[in-house]
PDB file of N, CA and C in Angstrom:
ATOM      1  N   MET A   1      36.660  -9.226  16.527  1.00  0.00           N
ATOM      2  CA  MET A   1      37.386  -8.179  15.386  1.00  0.00           C
ATOM      3  C   MET A   1      35.559  -7.152  15.012  1.00  0.00           C
ATOM      4  N   SER A   2      35.056  -5.984  15.890  1.00  0.00           N
ATOM      5  CA  SER A   2      34.678  -5.520  15.103  1.00  0.00           C
ATOM      6  C   SER A   2      34.472  -4.727  13.567  1.00  0.00           C
ATOM      7  N   HIS A   3      33.976  -5.302  12.886  1.00  0.00           N
ATOM      8  CA  HIS A   3      33.527  -4.189  11.887  1.00  0.00           C
ATOM      9  C   HIS A   3      32.703  -2.599  11.634  1.00  0.00           C
ATOM     10  N   ILE A   4      33.677  -2.043  11.221  1.00  0.00           N
ATOM     11  CA  ILE A   4      32.642   0.006  11.038  1.00  0.00           C
ATOM     12  C   ILE A   4      31.429  -0.356  10.541  1.00  0.00           C
ATOM     13  N   VAL A   5      30.935  -1.836   9.196  1.00  0.00           N
ATOM     14  CA  VAL A   5      29.742  -1.595   8.787  1.00  0.00           C
ATOM     15  C   VAL A   5      28.542  -1.797  10.734  1.00  0.00           C
ATOM     16  N   THR A   6      29.149  -2.515  10.982  1.00  0.00           N
ATOM     17  CA  THR A   6      28.361  -2.090  12.511  1.00  0.00           C
ATOM     18  C   THR A   6      27.672  -1.733  13.062  1.00  0.00           C
ATOM     19  N   VAL A   7      29.088   0.021  12.811  1.00  0.00           N
ATOM     20  CA  VAL A   7      28.686   0.704  13.807  1.00  0.00           C
ATOM     21  C   VAL A   7      27.704   2.588  13.238  1.00  0.00           C
ATOM     22  N   GLN A   8      27.879   2.149  11.677  1.00  0.00           N
ATOM     23  CA  GLN A   8      27.456   2.723  10.185  1.00  0.00           C
ATOM     24  C   GLN A   8      26.323   2.256  10.026  1.00  0.00           C
ATOM     25  N   ASP A   9      26.029   1.228  10.812  1.00  0.00           N
ATOM     26  CA  ASP A   9      24.908   1.122  10.680  1.00  0.00           C
ATOM     27  C   ASP A   9      23.634   1.708  11.688  1.00  0.00           C
ATOM     28  N   ALA A  10      24.298   1.379  13.101  1.00  0.00           N
ATOM     29  CA  ALA A  10      23.715   1.891  13.845  1.00  0.00           C
ATOM     30  C   ALA A  10      23.669   3.721  13.928  1.00  0.00           C
ATOM     31  N   VAL A  11      25.212   4.795  13.639  1.00  0.00           N
ATOM     32  CA  VAL A  11      24.475   6.039  13.033  1.00  0.00           C
ATOM     33  C   VAL A  11      23.316   6.174  11.901  1.00  0.00           C
ATOM     34  N   THR A  12      23.484   5.346  11.365  1.00  0.00           N
ATOM     35  CA  THR A  12      22.198   6.253   9.953  1.00  0.00           C
ATOM     36  C   THR A  12      21.316   5.742   9.828  1.00  0.00           C
ATOM     37  N   ALA A  13      21.060   4.958  10.903  1.00  0.00           N
ATOM     38  CA  ALA A  13      19.271   4.689  11.602  1.00  0.00           C
ATOM     39  C   ALA A  13      18.723   5.128  12.148  1.00  0.00           C
ATOM     40  N   PHE A  14      19.472   6.565  12.166  1.00  0.00           N
ATOM     41  CA  PHE A  14      19.484   7.602  13.111  1.00  0.00           C
ATOM     42  C   PHE A  14      18.543   9.023  12.537  1.00  0.00           C
ATOM     43  N   SER A  15      20.152   9.005  11.237  1.00  0.00           N
ATOM     44  CA  SER A  15      19.396  10.089  10.270  1.00  0.00           C
ATOM     45  C   SER A  15      18.852  11.268  10.820  1.00  0.00           C
ATOM     46  N   ASP A  16      16.918  10.631  10.478  1.00  0.00           N
ATOM     47  CA  ASP A  16      16.763  10.880  10.098  1.00  0.00           C
ATOM     48  C   ASP A  16      16.110  11.497  11.269  1.00  0.00           C
ATOM     49  N   PHE A  17      16.200  11.540  11.763  1.00  0.00           N
ATOM     50  CA  PHE A  17      16.045  12.931  13.945  1.00  0.00           C
ATOM     51  C   PHE A  17      16.867  13.177  14.003  1.00  0.00           C
ATOM     52  N   MET A  18      18.107  13.026  12.788  1.00  0.00           N
ATOM     53  CA  MET A  18      19.197  14.633  13.434  1.00  0.00           C
ATOM     54  C   MET A  18      18.977  15.631  12.770  1.00  0.00           C
ATOM     55  N   GLU A  19      18.350  14.979  11.406  1.00  0.00           N
ATOM     56  CA  GLU A  19      18.764  16.853  10.797  1.00  0.00           C
ATOM     57  C   GLU A  19      16.672  17.969  11.054  1.00  0.00           C
ATOM     58  N   PRO A  20      16.795  18.513  11.208  1.00  0.00           N
ATOM     59  CA  PRO A  20      16.274  19.937  11.536  1.00  0.00           C
ATOM     60  C   PRO A  20      14.601  20.075  10.911  1.00  0.00           C
ATOM     61  N   THR A  21      13.286  19.640  12.282  1.00  0.00           N
ATOM     62  CA  THR A  21      12.351  19.085  11.179  1.00  0.00           C
ATOM     63  C   THR A  21      11.526  20.571  10.496  1.00  0.00           C
ATOM     64  N   ALA A  22      10.363  20.428   9.974  1.00  0.00           N
ATOM     65  CA  ALA A  22      10.042  21.479   9.210  1.00  0.00           C
ATOM     66  C   ALA A  22       9.060  22.657  10.291  1.00  0.00           C
ATOM     67  N   ALA A  23       9.064  22.275  11.106  1.00  0.00           N
ATOM     68  CA  ALA A  23       8.465  23.240  11.863  1.00  0.00           C
ATOM     69  C   ALA A  23      10.154  23.764  12.813  1.00  0.00           C
ATOM     70  N   GLU A  24      11.088  23.095  12.884  1.00  0.00           N
ATOM     71  CA  GLU A  24      12.251  23.927  13.746  1.00  0.00           C
ATOM     72  C   GLU A  24      12.163  24.735  12.674  1.00  0.00           C
ATOM     73  N   LEU A  25      12.539  24.491  11.298  1.00  0.00           N
ATOM     74  CA  LEU A  25      13.013  25.753  10.201  1.00  0.00           C
ATOM     75  C   LEU A  25      12.035  26.217  10.136  1.00  0.00           C
ATOM     76  N   ASP A  26      11.147  26.670  10.311  1.00  0.00           N
ATOM     77  CA  ASP A  26       9.933  27.893  10.436  1.00  0.00           C
ATOM     78  C   ASP A  26      10.440  28.632  12.080  1.00  0.00           C
ATOM     79  N   ALA A  27      10.565  28.136  12.417  1.00  0.00           N
ATOM     80  CA  ALA A  27      10.411  28.279  14.035  1.00  0.00           C
ATOM     81  C   ALA A  27      11.965  29.959  13.739  1.00  0.00           C
ATOM     82  N   ILE A  28      13.040  28.640  13.144  1.00  0.00           N
ATOM     83  CA  ILE A  28      14.461  29.880  13.011  1.00  0.00           C
ATOM     84  C   ILE A  28      14.026  30.835  11.457  1.00  0.00           C
ATOM     85  N   GLU A  29      13.590  30.584  10.652  1.00  0.00           N
ATOM     86  CA  GLU A  29      13.161  31.235   9.497  1.00  0.00           C
ATOM     87  C   GLU A  29      12.313  32.221   9.859  1.00  0.00           C
ATOM     88  N   GLU A  30      11.564  32.395  11.305  1.00  0.00           N
ATOM     89  CA  GLU A  30      10.905  32.758  11.999  1.00  0.00           C
ATOM     90  C   GLU A  30      11.722  33.965  13.018  1.00  0.00           C
ATOM     91  N   GLU A  31      12.266  34.206  13.298  1.00  0.00           N
ATOM     92  CA  GLU A  31      13.936  35.096  14.491  1.00  0.00           C
ATOM     93  C   GLU A  31      14.236  34.669  13.718  1.00  0.00           C
ATOM     94  N   MET A  32      14.722  34.842  12.252  1.00  0.00           N
ATOM     95  CA  MET A  32      15.831  35.081  12.089  1.00  0.00           C
ATOM     96  C   MET A  32      15.737  36.720  11.365  1.00  0.00           C
ATOM     97  N   PRO A  33      14.791  37.672  11.604  1.00  0.00           N
ATOM     98  CA  PRO A  33      15.305  39.109  11.472  1.00  0.00           C
ATOM     99  C   PRO A  33      16.351  39.670  12.648  1.00  0.00           C
ATOM    100  N   ALA A  34      15.443  38.996  14.153  1.00  0.00           N
ATOM    101  CA  ALA A  34      15.852  38.786  15.312  1.00  0.00           C
ATOM    102  C   ALA A  34      17.720  38.644  15.403  1.00  0.00           C
ATOM    103  N   ILE A  35      18.051  37.684  15.205  1.00  0.00           N
ATOM    104  CA  ILE A  35      19.928  37.564  14.462  1.00  0.00           C
ATOM    105  C   ILE A  35      19.780  37.662  14.315  1.00  0.00           C
ATOM    106  N   LEU A  36      19.596  38.630  13.288  1.00  0.00           N
ATOM    107  CA  LEU A  36      20.323  39.668  11.735  1.00  0.00           C
ATOM    108  C   LEU A  36      20.640  40.824  12.433  1.00  0.00           C
ATOM    109  N   ALA A  37      19.223  40.896  13.025  1.00  0.00           N
ATOM    110  CA  ALA A  37      19.626  42.135  13.986  1.00  0.00           C
ATOM    111  C   ALA A  37      20.582  41.783  15.261  1.00  0.00           C
ATOM    112  N   ASP A  38      20.901  40.935  15.704  1.00  0.00           N
ATOM    113  CA  ASP A  38      21.751  40.490  16.486  1.00  0.00           C
ATOM    114  C   ASP A  38      23.412  40.752  16.698  1.00  0.00           C
ATOM    115  N   VAL A  39      23.677  40.021  15.640  1.00  0.00           N
ATOM    116  CA  VAL A  39      24.538  39.566  14.391  1.00  0.00           C
ATOM    117  C   VAL A  39      25.209  40.849  14.420  1.00  0.00           C
ATOM    118  N   ASP A  40      23.838  41.999  13.595  1.00  0.00           N
ATOM    119  CA  ASP A  40      24.917  43.330  12.850  1.00  0.00           C
ATOM    120  C   ASP A  40      25.198  44.445  14.453  1.00  0.00           C
ATOM    121  N   LEU A  41      24.543  44.006  15.432  1.00  0.00           N
ATOM    122  CA  LEU A  41      24.907  44.987  17.409  1.00  0.00           C
ATOM    123  C   LEU A  41      26.495  44.345  16.789  1.00  0.00           C
ATOM    124  N   ILE A  42      26.950  43.108  17.105  1.00  0.00           N
ATOM    125  CA  ILE A  42      27.984  42.143  17.712  1.00  0.00           C
ATOM    126  C   ILE A  42      28.678  42.870  16.654  1.00  0.00           C
ATOM    127  N   ASN A  43      28.631  43.435  15.573  1.00  0.00           N
ATOM    128  CA  ASN A  43      29.684  43.386  14.465  1.00  0.00           C
ATOM    129  C   ASN A  43      29.857  44.876  14.409  1.00  0.00           C
ATOM    130  N   ALA A  44      29.150  46.136  15.325  1.00  0.00           N
ATOM    131  CA  ALA A  44      29.031  46.992  15.768  1.00  0.00           C
ATOM    132  C   ALA A  44      30.562  47.248  16.972  1.00  0.00           C
ATOM    133  N   GLN A  45      29.685  46.615  17.277  1.00  0.00           N
ATOM    134  CA  GLN A  45      30.914  45.815  18.434  1.00  0.00           C
ATOM    135  C   GLN A  45      32.158  45.725  18.781  1.00  0.00           C
ATOM    136  N   ILE A  46      32.055  44.139  17.767  1.00  0.00           N
ATOM    137  CA  ILE A  46      33.122  43.648  17.697  1.00  0.00           C
ATOM    138  C   ILE A  46      35.013  45.302  17.523  1.00  0.00           C
ATOM    139  N   THR A  47      34.288  45.830  16.457  1.00  0.00           N
ATOM    140  CA  THR A  47      34.495  46.843  15.519  1.00  0.00           C
ATOM    141  C   THR A  47      35.389  47.912  16.713  1.00  0.00           C
ATOM    142  N   THR A  48      34.688  47.867  17.748  1.00  0.00           N
ATOM    143  CA  THR A  48      35.017  49.242  18.453  1.00  0.00           C
ATOM    144  C   THR A  48      36.360  48.629  19.643  1.00  0.00           C
ATOM    145  N   LEU A  49      35.837  46.923  19.493  1.00  0.00           N
ATOM    146  CA  LEU A  49      36.904  46.035  20.756  1.00  0.00           C
ATOM    147  C   LEU A  49      39.163  48.013  20.368  1.00  0.00           C
ATOM    148  N   ASP A  50      39.485  47.563  19.749  1.00  0.00           N
ATOM    149  CA  ASP A  50      40.531  47.832  19.895  1.00  0.00           C
ATOM    150  C   ASP A  50      40.928  49.032  19.681  1.00  0.00           C
ATOM    151  N   ARG A  51      39.851  50.293  20.169  1.00  0.00           N
ATOM    152  CA  ARG A  51      40.603  51.809  20.216  1.00  0.00           C
ATOM    153  C   ARG A  51      39.603  51.922  20.738  1.00  0.00           C
ATOM    154  N   THR A  52      39.305  53.328  20.405  1.00  0.00           N
ATOM    155  CA  THR A  52      38.848  54.007  21.974  1.00  0.00           C
ATOM    156  C   THR A  52      36.954  54.566  20.793  1.00  0.00           C
ATOM    157  N   PRO A  53      36.455  54.473  20.923  1.00  0.00           N
ATOM    158  CA  PRO A  53      35.141  54.520  20.346  1.00  0.00           C
ATOM    159  C   PRO A  53      34.753  56.245  19.545  1.00  0.00           C
ATOM    160  N   SER A  54      34.764  55.706  18.294  1.00  0.00           N
ATOM    161  CA  SER A  54      34.332  57.500  18.499  1.00  0.00           C
ATOM    162  C   SER A  54      32.738  58.165  17.772  1.00  0.00           C
ATOM    163  N   GLU A  55      32.795  58.952  17.969  1.00  0.00           N
ATOM    164  CA  GLU A  55      30.594  59.219  18.501  1.00  0.00           C
ATOM    165  C   GLU A  55      30.584  58.608  16.827  1.00  0.00           C
ATOM    166  N   LEU A  56      31.266  58.236  16.230  1.00  0.00           N
ATOM    167  CA  LEU A  56      30.149  57.336  14.986  1.00  0.00           C
ATOM    168  C   LEU A  56      30.383  56.048  15.283  1.00  0.00           C
ATOM    169  N   ASP A  57      30.863  55.908  16.058  1.00  0.00           N
ATOM    170  CA  ASP A  57      31.086  53.783  16.335  1.00  0.00           C
ATOM    171  C   ASP A  57      29.392  54.326  16.962  1.00  0.00           C
ATOM    172  N   THR A  58      29.497  55.183  18.558  1.00  0.00           N
ATOM    173  CA  THR A  58      28.647  55.195  19.261  1.00  0.00           C
ATOM    174  C   THR A  58      27.568  55.294  18.546  1.00  0.00           C
ATOM    175  N   ARG A  59      27.212  56.564  17.775  1.00  0.00           N
ATOM    176  CA  ARG A  59      25.906  56.021  17.757  1.00  0.00           C
ATOM    177  C   ARG A  59      25.838  55.195  15.464  1.00  0.00           C
ATOM    178  N   ARG A  60      26.312  54.061  15.631  1.00  0.00           N
ATOM    179  CA  ARG A  60      26.788  52.778  15.375  1.00  0.00           C
ATOM    180  C   ARG A  60      25.796  51.456  16.305  1.00  0.00           C
ATOM    181  N   ILE A  61      26.386  51.740  17.825  1.00  0.00           N
ATOM    182  CA  ILE A  61      26.276  50.587  18.303  1.00  0.00           C
ATOM    183  C   ILE A  61      24.607  51.208  19.153  1.00  0.00           C
ATOM    184  N   ARG A  62      24.341  51.756  18.911  1.00  0.00           N
ATOM    185  CA  ARG A  62      22.835  52.452  19.550  1.00  0.00           C
ATOM    186  C   ARG A  62      21.788  52.262  18.332  1.00  0.00           C
ATOM    187  N   ARG A  63      22.262  52.631  17.544  1.00  0.00           N
ATOM    188  CA  ARG A  63      21.766  52.775  16.398  1.00  0.00           C
ATOM    189  C   ARG A  63      21.140  51.252  15.865  1.00  0.00           C
ATOM    190  N   ALA A  64      22.377  49.960  15.933  1.00  0.00           N
ATOM    191  CA  ALA A  64      22.357  48.622  15.893  1.00  0.00           C
ATOM    192  C   ALA A  64      21.451  47.820  17.060  1.00  0.00           C
ATOM    193  N   HIS A  65      21.439  48.492  18.299  1.00  0.00           N
ATOM    194  CA  HIS A  65      21.230  47.979  19.882  1.00  0.00           C
ATOM    195  C   HIS A  65      19.339  48.049  19.481  1.00  0.00           C
ATOM    196  N   ARG A  66      19.051  49.559  18.414  1.00  0.00           N
ATOM    197  CA  ARG A  66      17.800  50.184  18.471  1.00  0.00           C
ATOM    198  C   ARG A  66      17.076  48.590  17.488  1.00  0.00           C
ATOM    199  N   ARG A  67      17.417  49.193  16.980  1.00  0.00           N
ATOM    200  CA  ARG A  67      16.566  47.453  15.580  1.00  0.00           C
ATOM    201  C   ARG A  67      16.567  46.146  16.324  1.00  0.00           C
ATOM    202  N   ALA A  68      18.233  45.726  17.269  1.00  0.00           N
ATOM    203  CA  ALA A  68      17.606  44.917  17.393  1.00  0.00           C
ATOM    204  C   ALA A  68      16.950  44.583  18.354  1.00  0.00           C
ATOM    205  N   LEU A  69      16.265  45.864  20.197  1.00  0.00           N
ATOM    206  CA  LEU A  69      15.860  45.514  20.377  1.00  0.00           C
ATOM    207  C   LEU A  69      13.928  46.117  19.364  1.00  0.00           C
ATOM    208  N   ALA A  70      13.577  45.847  18.427  1.00  0.00           N
ATOM    209  CA  ALA A  70      12.630  46.636  17.201  1.00  0.00           C
ATOM    210  C   ALA A  70      12.451  45.009  17.497  1.00  0.00           C
ATOM    211  N   ALA A  71      13.504  44.555  16.346  1.00  0.00           N
ATOM    212  CA  ALA A  71      13.629  42.971  15.851  1.00  0.00           C
ATOM    213  C   ALA A  71      12.923  42.238  16.910  1.00  0.00           C
ATOM    214  N   ARG A  72      12.996  41.978  18.436  1.00  0.00           N
ATOM    215  CA  ARG A  72      12.887  40.840  18.851  1.00  0.00           C
ATOM    216  C   ARG A  72      11.436  41.315  19.813  1.00  0.00           C
ATOM    217  N   LEU A  73      11.232  42.585  19.893  1.00  0.00           N
ATOM    218  CA  LEU A  73       9.722  43.173  19.854  1.00  0.00           C
ATOM    219  C   LEU A  73       8.290  42.608  18.438  1.00  0.00           C
ATOM    220  N   ALA A  74       9.090  43.232  17.954  1.00  0.00           N
ATOM    221  CA  ALA A  74       8.159  42.064  16.993  1.00  0.00           C
ATOM    222  C   ALA A  74       8.370  41.481  16.685  1.00  0.00           C
ATOM    223  N   LEU A  75       9.498  40.319  16.960  1.00  0.00           N
ATOM    224  CA  LEU A  75       8.932  38.792  17.415  1.00  0.00           C
ATOM    225  C   LEU A  75       7.922  38.473  17.841  1.00  0.00           C
ATOM    226  N   ALA A  76       8.530  38.444  19.312  1.00  0.00           N
ATOM    227  CA  ALA A  76       7.766  38.745  20.864  1.00  0.00           C
ATOM    228  C   ALA A  76       5.723  39.025  20.264  1.00  0.00           C
ATOM    229  N   ASN A  77       5.380  39.851  19.312  1.00  0.00           N
ATOM    230  CA  ASN A  77       4.438  40.551  19.191  1.00  0.00           C
ATOM    231  C   ASN A  77       3.895  39.219  18.729  1.00  0.00           C
ATOM    232  N   GLY A  78       4.273  39.354  16.869  1.00  0.00           N
ATOM    233  CA  GLY A  78       4.319  37.644  16.553  1.00  0.00           C
ATOM    234  C   GLY A  78       4.195  36.416  16.742  1.00  0.00           C
ATOM    235  N   ARG A  79       4.452  36.312  18.035  1.00  0.00           N
ATOM    236  CA  ARG A  79       3.678  35.320  18.549  1.00  0.00           C
ATOM    237  C   ARG A  79       3.020  35.448  19.575  1.00  0.00           C
ATOM    238  N   ARG A  80       2.473  36.142  20.279  1.00  0.00           N
ATOM    239  CA  ARG A  80       1.465  36.657  20.156  1.00  0.00           C
ATOM    240  C   ARG A  80       1.256  36.401  20.050  1.00  0.00           C
ATOM    241  N   LYS A  81       0.302  37.925  19.140  1.00  0.00           N
ATOM    242  CA  LYS A  81      -0.543  38.281  17.589  1.00  0.00           C
ATOM    243  C   LYS A  81      -1.227  36.333  17.021  1.00  0.00           C
ATOM    244  N   GLY A  82      -0.390  35.376  16.443  1.00  0.00           N
ATOM    245  CA  GLY A  82       0.069  34.126  15.633  1.00  0.00           C
ATOM    246  C   GLY A  82      -0.151  33.186  16.794  1.00  0.00           C
ATOM    247  N   GLY A  83      -0.373  33.192  17.805  1.00  0.00           N
ATOM    248  CA  GLY A  83       0.369  32.523  19.423  1.00  0.00           C
ATOM    249  C   GLY A  83       0.881  30.210  19.059  1.00  0.00           C
ATOM    250  N   ALA A  84       1.861  31.309  18.085  1.00  0.00           N
ATOM    251  CA  ALA A  84       2.435  30.335  17.980  1.00  0.00           C
ATOM    252  C   ALA A  84       3.372  30.322  19.214  1.00  0.00           C
ATOM    253  N   ALA A  85       3.683  29.003  19.973  1.00  0.00           N
ATOM    254  CA  ALA A  85       5.231  29.397  21.282  1.00  0.00           C
ATOM    255  C   ALA A  85       4.403  29.339  22.619  1.00  0.00           C
TER     256      ALA A  85
END
């Protein structure tokens, strides 16, 4: 009969490698404006799934789409200037 302790030792031996590194957290933080802009775009699109989009809905989606593109452009330009990735 094998004990769970042996399995636990094997799992916890790699627990340090399971957490994101500081560099990965920094990359996520750098990409956060683009991520949030994408979430806003998706939320605007979700609101129109069960109905015909009104003019206000169309403008909201268009505006969210422009913000998402601007955030991605800023991220790409920042990476080019900073030399990261």
